[in-house]
């Protein structure tokens, strides 16, 4: 079970990681 908060913020973390490091997760 994934908390709603995480499900909402995960895409933002992913976008930030991709933009800053060029690495997709």
N, C-alpha and C. Protein backbone atom coordinates (compact mmCIF):
# COMPACT_ATOMS: atom_id res chain seq x y z
N UNK A 1 0.85 -1.21 0.00
CA UNK A 1 0.00 0.00 0.00
C UNK A 1 0.87 1.25 0.00
N UNK A 2 0.73 2.07 -1.01
CA UNK A 2 1.52 3.29 -1.12
C UNK A 2 0.71 4.47 -0.60
N UNK A 3 1.28 5.23 0.35
CA UNK A 3 0.57 6.39 0.87
C UNK A 3 0.27 7.40 -0.23
N UNK A 4 -0.85 8.08 -0.10
CA UNK A 4 -1.25 9.07 -1.11
C UNK A 4 -0.19 10.16 -1.22
N UNK A 5 0.37 10.57 -0.09
CA UNK A 5 1.35 11.66 -0.09
C UNK A 5 2.54 11.29 -0.97
N UNK A 6 3.01 10.04 -0.84
CA UNK A 6 4.15 9.61 -1.62
C UNK A 6 3.80 9.52 -3.09
N UNK A 7 2.61 9.03 -3.35
CA UNK A 7 2.19 8.87 -4.75
C UNK A 7 2.10 10.24 -5.43
N UNK A 8 1.79 11.28 -4.67
CA UNK A 8 1.69 12.62 -5.24
C UNK A 8 3.06 13.27 -5.43
N UNK A 9 4.00 12.99 -4.50
CA UNK A 9 5.29 13.68 -4.54
C UNK A 9 6.34 12.93 -5.35
N UNK A 10 6.14 11.63 -5.52
CA UNK A 10 7.13 10.83 -6.25
C UNK A 10 7.44 11.36 -7.65
N UNK A 11 6.42 11.73 -8.46
CA UNK A 11 6.71 12.27 -9.79
C UNK A 11 7.56 13.53 -9.74
N UNK A 12 7.37 14.35 -8.71
CA UNK A 12 8.15 15.58 -8.58
C UNK A 12 9.61 15.24 -8.28
N UNK A 13 9.82 14.25 -7.41
CA UNK A 13 11.18 13.81 -7.10
C UNK A 13 11.84 13.25 -8.35
N UNK A 14 11.09 12.47 -9.10
CA UNK A 14 11.62 11.87 -10.32
C UNK A 14 12.01 12.95 -11.33
N UNK A 15 11.15 13.95 -11.51
CA UNK A 15 11.44 15.04 -12.44
C UNK A 15 12.68 15.80 -12.01
N UNK A 16 12.80 16.06 -10.71
CA UNK A 16 13.95 16.80 -10.20
C UNK A 16 15.22 16.01 -10.41
N UNK A 17 15.18 14.71 -10.13
CA UNK A 17 16.34 13.85 -10.32
C UNK A 17 16.76 13.83 -11.78
N UNK A 18 15.78 13.71 -12.65
CA UNK A 18 16.06 13.63 -14.08
C UNK A 18 16.64 14.95 -14.59
N UNK A 19 16.11 16.05 -14.12
CA UNK A 19 16.56 17.36 -14.60
C UNK A 19 17.97 17.68 -14.08
N UNK A 20 18.25 17.31 -12.82
CA UNK A 20 19.51 17.69 -12.21
C UNK A 20 20.65 16.73 -12.52
N UNK A 21 20.33 15.47 -12.73
CA UNK A 21 21.40 14.48 -12.92
C UNK A 21 21.34 13.80 -14.27
N UNK A 22 20.21 13.88 -14.95
CA UNK A 22 20.06 13.20 -16.23
C UNK A 22 19.82 11.71 -16.05
N UNK A 23 19.63 11.28 -14.80
CA UNK A 23 19.40 9.86 -14.52
C UNK A 23 17.94 9.64 -14.22
N UNK A 24 17.32 8.71 -14.94
CA UNK A 24 15.92 8.40 -14.69
C UNK A 24 15.84 7.27 -13.66
N UNK A 25 14.84 7.34 -12.79
CA UNK A 25 14.69 6.32 -11.75
C UNK A 25 13.32 5.68 -11.84
